PDB file of N, CA and C in Angstrom:
ATOM      1  N   MET A   1      -0.851  15.023  -9.703  1.00  0.00           N
ATOM      2  CA  MET A   1      -1.021  14.386  -8.490  1.00  0.00           C
ATOM      3  C   MET A   1      -0.270  13.326  -8.362  1.00  0.00           C
ATOM      4  N   ALA A   2      -0.512  12.310  -7.632  1.00  0.00           N
ATOM      5  CA  ALA A   2       0.246  11.158  -7.242  1.00  0.00           C
ATOM      6  C   ALA A   2      -0.045   9.942  -7.669  1.00  0.00           C
ATOM      7  N   LEU A   3       0.949   8.976  -8.323  1.00  0.00           N
ATOM      8  CA  LEU A   3       0.593   7.518  -8.669  1.00  0.00           C
ATOM      9  C   LEU A   3       0.689   6.763  -7.441  1.00  0.00           C
ATOM     10  N   ILE A   4      -0.436   6.005  -7.143  1.00  0.00           N
ATOM     11  CA  ILE A   4      -0.594   5.289  -6.084  1.00  0.00           C
ATOM     12  C   ILE A   4      -0.841   3.794  -6.496  1.00  0.00           C
ATOM     13  N   TYR A   5      -0.275   2.869  -5.828  1.00  0.00           N
ATOM     14  CA  TYR A   5      -0.282   1.434  -6.023  1.00  0.00           C
ATOM     15  C   TYR A   5      -1.148   0.976  -4.767  1.00  0.00           C
ATOM     16  N   SER A   6      -2.309   0.370  -5.029  1.00  0.00           N
ATOM     17  CA  SER A   6      -3.060  -0.291  -3.927  1.00  0.00           C
ATOM     18  C   SER A   6      -3.035  -1.757  -4.097  1.00  0.00           C
ATOM     19  N   ILE A   7      -2.557  -2.445  -3.055  1.00  0.00           N
ATOM     20  CA  ILE A   7      -2.364  -3.866  -3.031  1.00  0.00           C
ATOM     21  C   ILE A   7      -3.262  -4.454  -2.022  1.00  0.00           C
ATOM     22  N   ASP A   8      -4.312  -5.012  -2.652  1.00  0.00           N
ATOM     23  CA  ASP A   8      -5.489  -5.714  -1.622  1.00  0.00           C
ATOM     24  C   ASP A   8      -5.965  -6.800  -2.406  1.00  0.00           C
ATOM     25  N   ASP A   9      -6.224  -8.056  -1.766  1.00  0.00           N
ATOM     26  CA  ASP A   9      -6.927  -9.190  -2.341  1.00  0.00           C
ATOM     27  C   ASP A   9      -8.379  -9.112  -2.390  1.00  0.00           C
ATOM     28  N   ASN A  10      -8.964  -8.138  -1.745  1.00  0.00           N
ATOM     29  CA  ASN A  10     -10.388  -7.825  -1.668  1.00  0.00           C
ATOM     30  C   ASN A  10     -10.833  -6.810  -2.806  1.00  0.00           C
ATOM     31  N   PRO A  11     -11.445  -7.365  -3.809  1.00  0.00           N
ATOM     32  CA  PRO A  11     -11.699  -6.219  -4.846  1.00  0.00           C
ATOM     33  C   PRO A  11     -12.502  -5.193  -4.319  1.00  0.00           C
ATOM     34  N   LEU A  12     -13.446  -5.259  -3.492  1.00  0.00           N
ATOM     35  CA  LEU A  12     -14.322  -4.160  -3.091  1.00  0.00           C
ATOM     36  C   LEU A  12     -13.532  -3.121  -2.425  1.00  0.00           C
ATOM     37  N   ILE A  13     -12.578  -3.538  -1.572  1.00  0.00           N
ATOM     38  CA  ILE A  13     -11.649  -2.539  -0.695  1.00  0.00           C
ATOM     39  C   ILE A  13     -10.808  -1.808  -1.627  1.00  0.00           C
ATOM     40  N   SER A  14     -10.472  -2.474  -2.896  1.00  0.00           N
ATOM     41  CA  SER A  14      -9.464  -1.981  -3.982  1.00  0.00           C
ATOM     42  C   SER A  14     -10.382  -1.025  -4.676  1.00  0.00           C
ATOM     43  N   MET A  15     -11.657  -1.242  -5.091  1.00  0.00           N
ATOM     44  CA  MET A  15     -12.540  -0.320  -5.779  1.00  0.00           C
ATOM     45  C   MET A  15     -12.731   0.955  -5.020  1.00  0.00           C
ATOM     46  N   VAL A  16     -12.968   0.702  -3.735  1.00  0.00           N
ATOM     47  CA  VAL A  16     -13.341   1.895  -2.856  1.00  0.00           C
ATOM     48  C   VAL A  16     -12.025   2.689  -2.738  1.00  0.00           C
ATOM     49  N   ILE A  17     -10.837   2.298  -2.555  1.00  0.00           N
ATOM     50  CA  ILE A  17      -9.627   2.948  -2.375  1.00  0.00           C
ATOM     51  C   ILE A  17      -9.364   3.715  -3.776  1.00  0.00           C
ATOM     52  N   GLN A  18      -9.623   3.100  -4.766  1.00  0.00           N
ATOM     53  CA  GLN A  18      -9.421   3.531  -6.390  1.00  0.00           C
ATOM     54  C   GLN A  18     -10.220   4.658  -6.495  1.00  0.00           C
ATOM     55  N   LEU A  19     -11.695   4.453  -6.356  1.00  0.00           N
ATOM     56  CA  LEU A  19     -12.489   5.768  -6.393  1.00  0.00           C
ATOM     57  C   LEU A  19     -12.395   6.775  -5.584  1.00  0.00           C
ATOM     58  N   ALA A  20     -11.970   6.703  -4.280  1.00  0.00           N
ATOM     59  CA  ALA A  20     -11.986   7.590  -3.450  1.00  0.00           C
ATOM     60  C   ALA A  20     -10.608   8.681  -3.681  1.00  0.00           C
ATOM     61  N   LEU A  21      -9.503   8.004  -4.243  1.00  0.00           N
ATOM     62  CA  LEU A  21      -8.335   8.494  -4.436  1.00  0.00           C
ATOM     63  C   LEU A  21      -8.415   9.283  -5.850  1.00  0.00           C
ATOM     64  N   THR A  22      -9.093   8.612  -6.765  1.00  0.00           N
ATOM     65  CA  THR A  22      -9.283   9.136  -8.182  1.00  0.00           C
ATOM     66  C   THR A  22      -9.989  10.491  -8.069  1.00  0.00           C
ATOM     67  N   ASP A  23     -11.005  10.372  -7.329  1.00  0.00           N
ATOM     68  CA  ASP A  23     -11.758  11.504  -7.063  1.00  0.00           C
ATOM     69  C   ASP A  23     -10.962  12.840  -6.482  1.00  0.00           C
ATOM     70  N   GLU A  24      -9.884  12.430  -5.879  1.00  0.00           N
ATOM     71  CA  GLU A  24      -8.886  13.331  -5.320  1.00  0.00           C
ATOM     72  C   GLU A  24      -7.909  13.915  -6.186  1.00  0.00           C
ATOM     73  N   GLY A  25      -8.095  13.323  -7.531  1.00  0.00           N
ATOM     74  CA  GLY A  25      -7.045  13.624  -8.536  1.00  0.00           C
ATOM     75  C   GLY A  25      -5.906  12.779  -8.741  1.00  0.00           C
ATOM     76  N   HIS A  26      -5.565  11.598  -8.141  1.00  0.00           N
ATOM     77  CA  HIS A  26      -4.565  10.788  -7.965  1.00  0.00           C
ATOM     78  C   HIS A  26      -4.880   9.617  -9.145  1.00  0.00           C
ATOM     79  N   THR A  27      -3.939   9.017  -9.713  1.00  0.00           N
ATOM     80  CA  THR A  27      -3.999   7.735 -10.397  1.00  0.00           C
ATOM     81  C   THR A  27      -3.551   6.626  -9.600  1.00  0.00           C
ATOM     82  N   VAL A  28      -4.651   5.837  -9.501  1.00  0.00           N
ATOM     83  CA  VAL A  28      -4.465   4.430  -8.757  1.00  0.00           C
ATOM     84  C   VAL A  28      -4.413   3.249  -9.641  1.00  0.00           C
ATOM     85  N   GLU A  29      -3.290   2.515  -9.325  1.00  0.00           N
ATOM     86  CA  GLU A  29      -3.343   1.111 -10.060  1.00  0.00           C
ATOM     87  C   GLU A  29      -3.440   0.182  -9.031  1.00  0.00           C
ATOM     88  N   THR A  30      -4.392  -0.921  -9.132  1.00  0.00           N
ATOM     89  CA  THR A  30      -4.672  -1.865  -8.043  1.00  0.00           C
ATOM     90  C   THR A  30      -4.125  -3.212  -8.514  1.00  0.00           C
ATOM     91  N   PHE A  31      -3.782  -3.838  -7.405  1.00  0.00           N
ATOM     92  CA  PHE A  31      -3.073  -5.443  -7.590  1.00  0.00           C
ATOM     93  C   PHE A  31      -3.849  -6.137  -6.470  1.00  0.00           C
ATOM     94  N   ASP A  32      -4.046  -7.508  -6.992  1.00  0.00           N
ATOM     95  CA  ASP A  32      -4.736  -8.323  -6.090  1.00  0.00           C
ATOM     96  C   ASP A  32      -3.714  -9.286  -5.266  1.00  0.00           C
ATOM     97  N   SER A  33      -2.494  -9.065  -5.757  1.00  0.00           N
ATOM     98  CA  SER A  33      -1.488  -9.863  -4.881  1.00  0.00           C
ATOM     99  C   SER A  33      -0.154  -9.005  -4.803  1.00  0.00           C
ATOM    100  N   SER A  34       0.536  -9.367  -3.872  1.00  0.00           N
ATOM    101  CA  SER A  34       1.963  -8.750  -3.653  1.00  0.00           C
ATOM    102  C   SER A  34       3.027  -9.033  -4.838  1.00  0.00           C
ATOM    103  N   LEU A  35       2.896 -10.316  -5.312  1.00  0.00           N
ATOM    104  CA  LEU A  35       3.682 -10.633  -6.472  1.00  0.00           C
ATOM    105  C   LEU A  35       3.503  -9.760  -7.660  1.00  0.00           C
ATOM    106  N   SER A  36       2.250  -9.572  -8.046  1.00  0.00           N
ATOM    107  CA  SER A  36       1.996  -9.006  -9.181  1.00  0.00           C
ATOM    108  C   SER A  36       2.428  -7.517  -9.046  1.00  0.00           C
ATOM    109  N   ALA A  37       2.256  -6.896  -7.817  1.00  0.00           N
ATOM    110  CA  ALA A  37       2.629  -5.635  -7.557  1.00  0.00           C
ATOM    111  C   ALA A  37       4.182  -5.408  -7.472  1.00  0.00           C
ATOM    112  N   TYR A  38       5.037  -6.384  -7.007  1.00  0.00           N
ATOM    113  CA  TYR A  38       6.328  -6.453  -6.868  1.00  0.00           C
ATOM    114  C   TYR A  38       6.982  -6.328  -8.517  1.00  0.00           C
ATOM    115  N   GLU A  39       6.282  -7.178  -9.182  1.00  0.00           N
ATOM    116  CA  GLU A  39       6.626  -7.393 -10.667  1.00  0.00           C
ATOM    117  C   GLU A  39       6.701  -5.904 -11.290  1.00  0.00           C
ATOM    118  N   ARG A  40       5.329  -5.444 -10.969  1.00  0.00           N
ATOM    119  CA  ARG A  40       5.253  -3.905 -11.591  1.00  0.00           C
ATOM    120  C   ARG A  40       6.175  -3.009 -10.991  1.00  0.00           C
ATOM    121  N   LEU A  41       6.568  -2.970  -9.884  1.00  0.00           N
ATOM    122  CA  LEU A  41       7.477  -2.133  -9.208  1.00  0.00           C
ATOM    123  C   LEU A  41       8.710  -2.254  -9.865  1.00  0.00           C
ATOM    124  N   GLU A  42       9.115  -3.600 -10.192  1.00  0.00           N
ATOM    125  CA  GLU A  42      10.440  -3.806 -10.762  1.00  0.00           C
ATOM    126  C   GLU A  42      10.432  -3.259 -12.343  1.00  0.00           C
ATOM    127  N   ASN A  43       9.436  -3.453 -12.865  1.00  0.00           N
ATOM    128  CA  ASN A  43       9.351  -3.094 -14.374  1.00  0.00           C
ATOM    129  C   ASN A  43       8.488  -1.893 -14.874  1.00  0.00           C
ATOM    130  N   GLY A  44       7.967  -1.201 -14.044  1.00  0.00           N
ATOM    131  CA  GLY A  44       6.852  -0.304 -14.274  1.00  0.00           C
ATOM    132  C   GLY A  44       7.145   1.273 -13.749  1.00  0.00           C
ATOM    133  N   ALA A  45       6.407   1.953 -13.977  1.00  0.00           N
ATOM    134  CA  ALA A  45       6.357   3.416 -13.467  1.00  0.00           C
ATOM    135  C   ALA A  45       6.482   3.195 -11.806  1.00  0.00           C
ATOM    136  N   LYS A  46       7.205   3.890 -11.196  1.00  0.00           N
ATOM    137  CA  LYS A  46       7.446   4.023  -9.565  1.00  0.00           C
ATOM    138  C   LYS A  46       6.341   4.670  -9.194  1.00  0.00           C
ATOM    139  N   PRO A  47       5.568   4.353  -8.153  1.00  0.00           N
ATOM    140  CA  PRO A  47       4.597   5.058  -7.445  1.00  0.00           C
ATOM    141  C   PRO A  47       4.917   6.031  -6.495  1.00  0.00           C
ATOM    142  N   ASP A  48       4.327   6.961  -6.117  1.00  0.00           N
ATOM    143  CA  ASP A  48       4.574   7.906  -5.075  1.00  0.00           C
ATOM    144  C   ASP A  48       4.203   7.327  -3.644  1.00  0.00           C
ATOM    145  N   ILE A  49       3.538   6.315  -3.542  1.00  0.00           N
ATOM    146  CA  ILE A  49       3.031   5.748  -2.350  1.00  0.00           C
ATOM    147  C   ILE A  49       2.405   4.436  -2.613  1.00  0.00           C
ATOM    148  N   LEU A  50       2.631   3.484  -1.605  1.00  0.00           N
ATOM    149  CA  LEU A  50       1.948   2.022  -1.734  1.00  0.00           C
ATOM    150  C   LEU A  50       1.036   1.894  -0.661  1.00  0.00           C
ATOM    151  N   LEU A  51      -0.259   1.484  -0.829  1.00  0.00           N
ATOM    152  CA  LEU A  51      -1.058   1.130   0.037  1.00  0.00           C
ATOM    153  C   LEU A  51      -1.292  -0.413   0.085  1.00  0.00           C
ATOM    154  N   VAL A  52      -0.777  -1.056   1.045  1.00  0.00           N
ATOM    155  CA  VAL A  52      -0.528  -2.607   1.097  1.00  0.00           C
ATOM    156  C   VAL A  52      -1.466  -3.188   2.192  1.00  0.00           C
ATOM    157  N   ASP A  53      -2.204  -4.225   1.786  1.00  0.00           N
ATOM    158  CA  ASP A  53      -2.948  -5.047   2.871  1.00  0.00           C
ATOM    159  C   ASP A  53      -1.839  -5.884   3.408  1.00  0.00           C
ATOM    160  N   LEU A  54      -1.842  -6.412   4.649  1.00  0.00           N
ATOM    161  CA  LEU A  54      -1.142  -7.134   5.486  1.00  0.00           C
ATOM    162  C   LEU A  54      -1.278  -8.582   4.881  1.00  0.00           C
ATOM    163  N   LYS A  55      -2.454  -9.057   5.176  1.00  0.00           N
ATOM    164  CA  LYS A  55      -2.820 -10.425   4.995  1.00  0.00           C
ATOM    165  C   LYS A  55      -3.159 -10.778   3.383  1.00  0.00           C
ATOM    166  N   MET A  56      -2.269 -11.155   2.783  1.00  0.00           N
ATOM    167  CA  MET A  56      -2.411 -11.421   1.530  1.00  0.00           C
ATOM    168  C   MET A  56      -1.957 -13.074   1.108  1.00  0.00           C
ATOM    169  N   PRO A  57      -2.808 -13.656   0.117  1.00  0.00           N
ATOM    170  CA  PRO A  57      -2.484 -14.949  -0.166  1.00  0.00           C
ATOM    171  C   PRO A  57      -0.752 -14.873  -0.949  1.00  0.00           C
ATOM    172  N   GLY A  58      -0.218 -16.109  -0.790  1.00  0.00           N
ATOM    173  CA  GLY A  58       1.237 -15.987  -1.242  1.00  0.00           C
ATOM    174  C   GLY A  58       2.151 -15.204  -0.549  1.00  0.00           C
ATOM    175  N   MET A  59       2.710 -14.081  -1.202  1.00  0.00           N
ATOM    176  CA  MET A  59       3.543 -13.173  -0.220  1.00  0.00           C
ATOM    177  C   MET A  59       2.669 -12.232   0.489  1.00  0.00           C
ATOM    178  N   THR A  60       2.904 -12.165   1.772  1.00  0.00           N
ATOM    179  CA  THR A  60       2.188 -11.262   2.581  1.00  0.00           C
ATOM    180  C   THR A  60       2.503  -9.797   2.416  1.00  0.00           C
ATOM    181  N   GLY A  61       1.929  -8.802   2.774  1.00  0.00           N
ATOM    182  CA  GLY A  61       2.240  -7.479   2.902  1.00  0.00           C
ATOM    183  C   GLY A  61       3.617  -7.169   3.563  1.00  0.00           C
ATOM    184  N   LYS A  62       3.927  -7.885   4.661  1.00  0.00           N
ATOM    185  CA  LYS A  62       5.208  -7.849   5.436  1.00  0.00           C
ATOM    186  C   LYS A  62       6.200  -8.109   4.469  1.00  0.00           C
ATOM    187  N   GLU A  63       6.036  -9.484   3.820  1.00  0.00           N
ATOM    188  CA  GLU A  63       7.070  -9.955   3.067  1.00  0.00           C
ATOM    189  C   GLU A  63       7.319  -9.028   1.802  1.00  0.00           C
ATOM    190  N   LEU A  64       6.152  -8.431   1.204  1.00  0.00           N
ATOM    191  CA  LEU A  64       6.336  -7.337   0.126  1.00  0.00           C
ATOM    192  C   LEU A  64       7.266  -6.363   0.537  1.00  0.00           C
ATOM    193  N   VAL A  65       6.854  -5.725   1.733  1.00  0.00           N
ATOM    194  CA  VAL A  65       7.656  -4.615   2.230  1.00  0.00           C
ATOM    195  C   VAL A  65       8.939  -4.869   2.450  1.00  0.00           C
ATOM    196  N   GLU A  66       9.279  -5.985   2.967  1.00  0.00           N
ATOM    197  CA  GLU A  66      10.632  -6.170   3.297  1.00  0.00           C
ATOM    198  C   GLU A  66      11.493  -6.359   2.004  1.00  0.00           C
ATOM    199  N   LYS A  67      10.779  -7.019   1.111  1.00  0.00           N
ATOM    200  CA  LYS A  67      11.458  -7.161  -0.240  1.00  0.00           C
ATOM    201  C   LYS A  67      11.908  -5.816  -0.840  1.00  0.00           C
ATOM    202  N   ILE A  68      10.983  -4.879  -0.852  1.00  0.00           N
ATOM    203  CA  ILE A  68      10.975  -3.570  -1.286  1.00  0.00           C
ATOM    204  C   ILE A  68      12.018  -2.625  -0.682  1.00  0.00           C
ATOM    205  N   ARG A  69      12.164  -2.816   0.775  1.00  0.00           N
ATOM    206  CA  ARG A  69      13.241  -2.187   1.637  1.00  0.00           C
ATOM    207  C   ARG A  69      14.632  -2.684   1.347  1.00  0.00           C
ATOM    208  N   SER A  70      14.511  -3.981   0.761  1.00  0.00           N
ATOM    209  CA  SER A  70      16.024  -4.614   0.525  1.00  0.00           C
ATOM    210  C   SER A  70      16.423  -4.119  -0.878  1.00  0.00           C
ATOM    211  N   ASN A  71      15.561  -3.514  -1.691  1.00  0.00           N
ATOM    212  CA  ASN A  71      15.880  -3.121  -3.171  1.00  0.00           C
ATOM    213  C   ASN A  71      16.212  -1.649  -3.177  1.00  0.00           C
ATOM    214  N   PRO A  72      17.417  -1.373  -3.474  1.00  0.00           N
ATOM    215  CA  PRO A  72      17.942   0.114  -3.337  1.00  0.00           C
ATOM    216  C   PRO A  72      17.137   0.977  -4.572  1.00  0.00           C
ATOM    217  N   HIS A  73      16.595   0.265  -5.591  1.00  0.00           N
ATOM    218  CA  HIS A  73      15.549   0.990  -6.585  1.00  0.00           C
ATOM    219  C   HIS A  73      14.330   1.385  -5.966  1.00  0.00           C
ATOM    220  N   LEU A  74      14.015   0.749  -4.956  1.00  0.00           N
ATOM    221  CA  LEU A  74      12.599   0.765  -4.409  1.00  0.00           C
ATOM    222  C   LEU A  74      12.496   1.300  -3.168  1.00  0.00           C
ATOM    223  N   ASP A  75      13.327   1.311  -2.234  1.00  0.00           N
ATOM    224  CA  ASP A  75      13.366   1.452  -0.838  1.00  0.00           C
ATOM    225  C   ASP A  75      12.879   2.764  -0.429  1.00  0.00           C
ATOM    226  N   TYR A  76      12.741   3.836  -1.268  1.00  0.00           N
ATOM    227  CA  TYR A  76      12.361   5.087  -0.781  1.00  0.00           C
ATOM    228  C   TYR A  76      10.942   5.434  -0.893  1.00  0.00           C
ATOM    229  N   ILE A  77      10.271   4.435  -1.427  1.00  0.00           N
ATOM    230  CA  ILE A  77       8.678   4.652  -1.731  1.00  0.00           C
ATOM    231  C   ILE A  77       8.143   4.377  -0.342  1.00  0.00           C
ATOM    232  N   PRO A  78       7.193   5.553   0.121  1.00  0.00           N
ATOM    233  CA  PRO A  78       6.387   5.419   1.262  1.00  0.00           C
ATOM    234  C   PRO A  78       5.476   4.263   1.136  1.00  0.00           C
ATOM    235  N   VAL A  79       5.187   3.624   2.410  1.00  0.00           N
ATOM    236  CA  VAL A  79       4.082   2.526   2.387  1.00  0.00           C
ATOM    237  C   VAL A  79       3.147   2.917   3.557  1.00  0.00           C
ATOM    238  N   THR A  80       2.026   2.685   3.227  1.00  0.00           N
ATOM    239  CA  THR A  80       0.950   2.722   4.265  1.00  0.00           C
ATOM    240  C   THR A  80       0.268   1.277   4.286  1.00  0.00           C
ATOM    241  N   PHE A  81       0.240   0.678   5.515  1.00  0.00           N
ATOM    242  CA  PHE A  81      -0.530  -0.561   5.589  1.00  0.00           C
ATOM    243  C   PHE A  81      -2.034  -0.268   5.832  1.00  0.00           C
ATOM    244  N   ILE A  82      -2.936  -1.084   5.292  1.00  0.00           N
ATOM    245  CA  ILE A  82      -4.195  -0.966   5.493  1.00  0.00           C
ATOM    246  C   ILE A  82      -4.681  -2.458   5.792  1.00  0.00           C
ATOM    247  N   THR A  83      -5.122  -2.697   6.934  1.00  0.00           N
ATOM    248  CA  THR A  83      -5.331  -3.974   7.441  1.00  0.00           C
ATOM    249  C   THR A  83      -6.752  -3.970   8.267  1.00  0.00           C
ATOM    250  N   GLY A  84      -7.120  -5.260   8.191  1.00  0.00           N
ATOM    251  CA  GLY A  84      -8.201  -5.573   9.382  1.00  0.00           C
ATOM    252  C   GLY A  84      -7.618  -6.544  10.258  1.00  0.00           C
ATOM    253  N   SER A  85      -6.375  -6.889  10.376  1.00  0.00           N
ATOM    254  CA  SER A  85      -5.794  -7.684  11.416  1.00  0.00           C
ATOM    255  C   SER A  85      -5.237  -6.745  12.498  1.00  0.00           C
ATOM    256  N   ILE A  86      -5.266  -7.428  13.521  1.00  0.00           N
ATOM    257  CA  ILE A  86      -4.697  -6.818  14.800  1.00  0.00           C
ATOM    258  C   ILE A  86      -3.153  -6.708  14.647  1.00  0.00           C
ATOM    259  N   PRO A  87      -2.754  -5.419  14.622  1.00  0.00           N
ATOM    260  CA  PRO A  87      -1.197  -5.411  14.171  1.00  0.00           C
ATOM    261  C   PRO A  87      -0.462  -5.912  15.303  1.00  0.00           C
ATOM    262  N   SER A  88       0.524  -6.644  14.939  1.00  0.00           N
ATOM    263  CA  SER A  88       1.490  -7.396  15.823  1.00  0.00           C
ATOM    264  C   SER A  88       2.799  -7.601  15.216  1.00  0.00           C
ATOM    265  N   THR A  89       3.824  -7.788  15.936  1.00  0.00           N
ATOM    266  CA  THR A  89       5.209  -8.077  15.359  1.00  0.00           C
ATOM    267  C   THR A  89       5.195  -9.482  14.564  1.00  0.00           C
ATOM    268  N   ASP A  90       4.281 -10.114  14.607  1.00  0.00           N
ATOM    269  CA  ASP A  90       4.221 -11.296  13.610  1.00  0.00           C
ATOM    270  C   ASP A  90       3.811 -10.956  12.181  1.00  0.00           C
ATOM    271  N   ILE A  91       2.886  -9.894  12.054  1.00  0.00           N
ATOM    272  CA  ILE A  91       2.429  -9.682  10.743  1.00  0.00           C
ATOM    273  C   ILE A  91       3.010  -8.227  10.240  1.00  0.00           C
ATOM    274  N   LEU A  92       3.625  -7.246  11.237  1.00  0.00           N
ATOM    275  CA  LEU A  92       4.200  -6.088  10.731  1.00  0.00           C
ATOM    276  C   LEU A  92       5.746  -6.101  10.717  1.00  0.00           C
ATOM    277  N   PRO A  93       6.192  -5.627   9.468  1.00  0.00           N
ATOM    278  CA  PRO A  93       7.686  -5.439   9.570  1.00  0.00           C
ATOM    279  C   PRO A  93       8.062  -4.274  10.511  1.00  0.00           C
ATOM    280  N   ALA A  94       9.290  -4.108  10.627  1.00  0.00           N
ATOM    281  CA  ALA A  94       9.915  -3.143  11.548  1.00  0.00           C
ATOM    282  C   ALA A  94       9.218  -1.692  11.213  1.00  0.00           C
ATOM    283  N   LYS A  95       9.071  -1.045  12.324  1.00  0.00           N
ATOM    284  CA  LYS A  95       8.320   0.307  12.188  1.00  0.00           C
ATOM    285  C   LYS A  95       8.892   1.260  11.233  1.00  0.00           C
ATOM    286  N   GLU A  96      10.287   1.265  11.032  1.00  0.00           N
ATOM    287  CA  GLU A  96      10.926   2.032  10.126  1.00  0.00           C
ATOM    288  C   GLU A  96      10.819   1.791   8.647  1.00  0.00           C
ATOM    289  N   SER A  97      10.144   0.762   8.415  1.00  0.00           N
ATOM    290  CA  SER A  97       9.883   0.255   7.301  1.00  0.00           C
ATOM    291  C   SER A  97       8.530   0.699   6.602  1.00  0.00           C
ATOM    292  N   TYR A  98       7.635   1.293   7.280  1.00  0.00           N
ATOM    293  CA  TYR A  98       6.449   1.922   6.809  1.00  0.00           C
ATOM    294  C   TYR A  98       6.090   3.265   7.408  1.00  0.00           C
ATOM    295  N   GLN A  99       5.273   3.991   6.678  1.00  0.00           N
ATOM    296  CA  GLN A  99       5.100   5.472   7.404  1.00  0.00           C
ATOM    297  C   GLN A  99       3.824   5.525   7.921  1.00  0.00           C
ATOM    298  N   ALA A 100       2.785   4.592   7.763  1.00  0.00           N
ATOM    299  CA  ALA A 100       1.321   4.758   8.175  1.00  0.00           C
ATOM    300  C   ALA A 100       0.674   3.554   8.378  1.00  0.00           C
ATOM    301  N   LEU A 101      -0.161   3.376   9.273  1.00  0.00           N
ATOM    302  CA  LEU A 101      -0.872   2.042   9.436  1.00  0.00           C
ATOM    303  C   LEU A 101      -2.620   2.563   9.508  1.00  0.00           C
ATOM    304  N   ILE A 102      -3.345   1.977   8.747  1.00  0.00           N
ATOM    305  CA  ILE A 102      -4.758   2.502   8.850  1.00  0.00           C
ATOM    306  C   ILE A 102      -5.529   1.051   8.951  1.00  0.00           C
ATOM    307  N   LEU A 103      -6.324   1.055   9.978  1.00  0.00           N
ATOM    308  CA  LEU A 103      -7.189  -0.180  10.372  1.00  0.00           C
ATOM    309  C   LEU A 103      -8.492   0.010   9.574  1.00  0.00           C
ATOM    310  N   LYS A 104      -8.852  -1.514   9.102  1.00  0.00           N
ATOM    311  CA  LYS A 104     -10.264  -1.530   8.459  1.00  0.00           C
ATOM    312  C   LYS A 104     -11.214  -1.838   9.798  1.00  0.00           C
ATOM    313  N   PRO A 105     -12.371  -1.415   9.558  1.00  0.00           N
ATOM    314  CA  PRO A 105     -12.828  -0.560   8.536  1.00  0.00           C
ATOM    315  C   PRO A 105     -12.292   0.992   8.775  1.00  0.00           C
ATOM    316  N   PHE A 106     -12.054   1.554   7.670  1.00  0.00           N
ATOM    317  CA  PHE A 106     -11.501   2.849   7.877  1.00  0.00           C
ATOM    318  C   PHE A 106     -12.262   3.922   7.293  1.00  0.00           C
ATOM    319  N   GLU A 107     -12.064   5.179   7.755  1.00  0.00           N
ATOM    320  CA  GLU A 107     -12.841   6.376   7.357  1.00  0.00           C
ATOM    321  C   GLU A 107     -12.113   6.681   5.848  1.00  0.00           C
ATOM    322  N   LEU A 108     -12.966   7.177   5.020  1.00  0.00           N
ATOM    323  CA  LEU A 108     -12.224   7.527   3.613  1.00  0.00           C
ATOM    324  C   LEU A 108     -11.618   8.760   3.769  1.00  0.00           C
ATOM    325  N   GLN A 109     -11.907   9.794   4.672  1.00  0.00           N
ATOM    326  CA  GLN A 109     -11.182  10.797   4.944  1.00  0.00           C
ATOM    327  C   GLN A 109      -9.914  10.615   5.498  1.00  0.00           C
ATOM    328  N   GLU A 110      -9.645   9.545   6.374  1.00  0.00           N
ATOM    329  CA  GLU A 110      -8.431   8.873   6.879  1.00  0.00           C
ATOM    330  C   GLU A 110      -7.282   8.727   5.947  1.00  0.00           C
ATOM    331  N   LEU A 111      -8.011   7.976   5.087  1.00  0.00           N
ATOM    332  CA  LEU A 111      -7.116   7.351   4.062  1.00  0.00           C
ATOM    333  C   LEU A 111      -6.481   8.551   3.009  1.00  0.00           C
ATOM    334  N   ILE A 112      -7.509   9.597   2.744  1.00  0.00           N
ATOM    335  CA  ILE A 112      -7.137  10.744   1.960  1.00  0.00           C
ATOM    336  C   ILE A 112      -6.190  11.582   2.608  1.00  0.00           C
ATOM    337  N   ASP A 113      -6.319  11.877   3.913  1.00  0.00           N
ATOM    338  CA  ASP A 113      -5.319  12.602   4.698  1.00  0.00           C
ATOM    339  C   ASP A 113      -4.175  11.973   4.890  1.00  0.00           C
ATOM    340  N   THR A 114      -4.029  10.752   5.015  1.00  0.00           N
ATOM    341  CA  THR A 114      -2.897   9.978   4.961  1.00  0.00           C
ATOM    342  C   THR A 114      -1.971  10.132   3.822  1.00  0.00           C
ATOM    343  N   VAL A 115      -2.781   9.921   2.671  1.00  0.00           N
ATOM    344  CA  VAL A 115      -1.991   9.920   1.417  1.00  0.00           C
ATOM    345  C   VAL A 115      -1.451  11.568   1.039  1.00  0.00           C
ATOM    346  N   GLU A 116      -2.143  12.258   1.484  1.00  0.00           N
ATOM    347  CA  GLU A 116      -1.847  13.797   1.273  1.00  0.00           C
ATOM    348  C   GLU A 116      -0.839  14.051   2.001  1.00  0.00           C
ATOM    349  N   ARG A 117      -0.546  13.587   3.411  1.00  0.00           N
ATOM    350  CA  ARG A 117       0.518  13.762   4.185  1.00  0.00           C
ATOM    351  C   ARG A 117       1.762  13.204   3.698  1.00  0.00           C
ATOM    352  N   LEU A 118       1.552  12.020   3.135  1.00  0.00           N
ATOM    353  CA  LEU A 118       2.771  11.430   2.639  1.00  0.00           C
ATOM    354  C   LEU A 118       3.485  11.798   1.345  1.00  0.00           C
ATOM    355  N   ILE A 119       2.409  12.309   0.542  1.00  0.00           N
ATOM    356  CA  ILE A 119       3.140  12.743  -0.765  1.00  0.00           C
ATOM    357  C   ILE A 119       3.268  14.194  -0.559  1.00  0.00           C
ATOM    358  N   ALA A 120       3.100  15.001   0.284  1.00  0.00           N
ATOM    359  CA  ALA A 120       3.468  16.409   0.361  1.00  0.00           C
ATOM    360  C   ALA A 120       5.117  16.581   0.264  1.00  0.00           C
TER     361      ALA A 120
END
């Protein structure tokens, strides 16, 4: 199945995402900061999809995705934002830089369906 990176500073959200997607047969690595996720992206296995919270301490989800999209070794990775924030141009990068947006609180089936669609 897929390797998924989940980037969220809320450990409970990360745990729920990891359990739900692991039950579906995926491998999920969790990160509590955009910076640690970016370092892993540069130096580790490349995931099939990124699940990114927008509001993160330090480097925001928007900044992370903009950095990924400017790196030719990473710019192909599909991104889904998972956020409790009201989506606006202030916090979202350009629409073409991400493939899906899931609002918190979310249904697990919505998450699973989104992941399945993007890795197909």
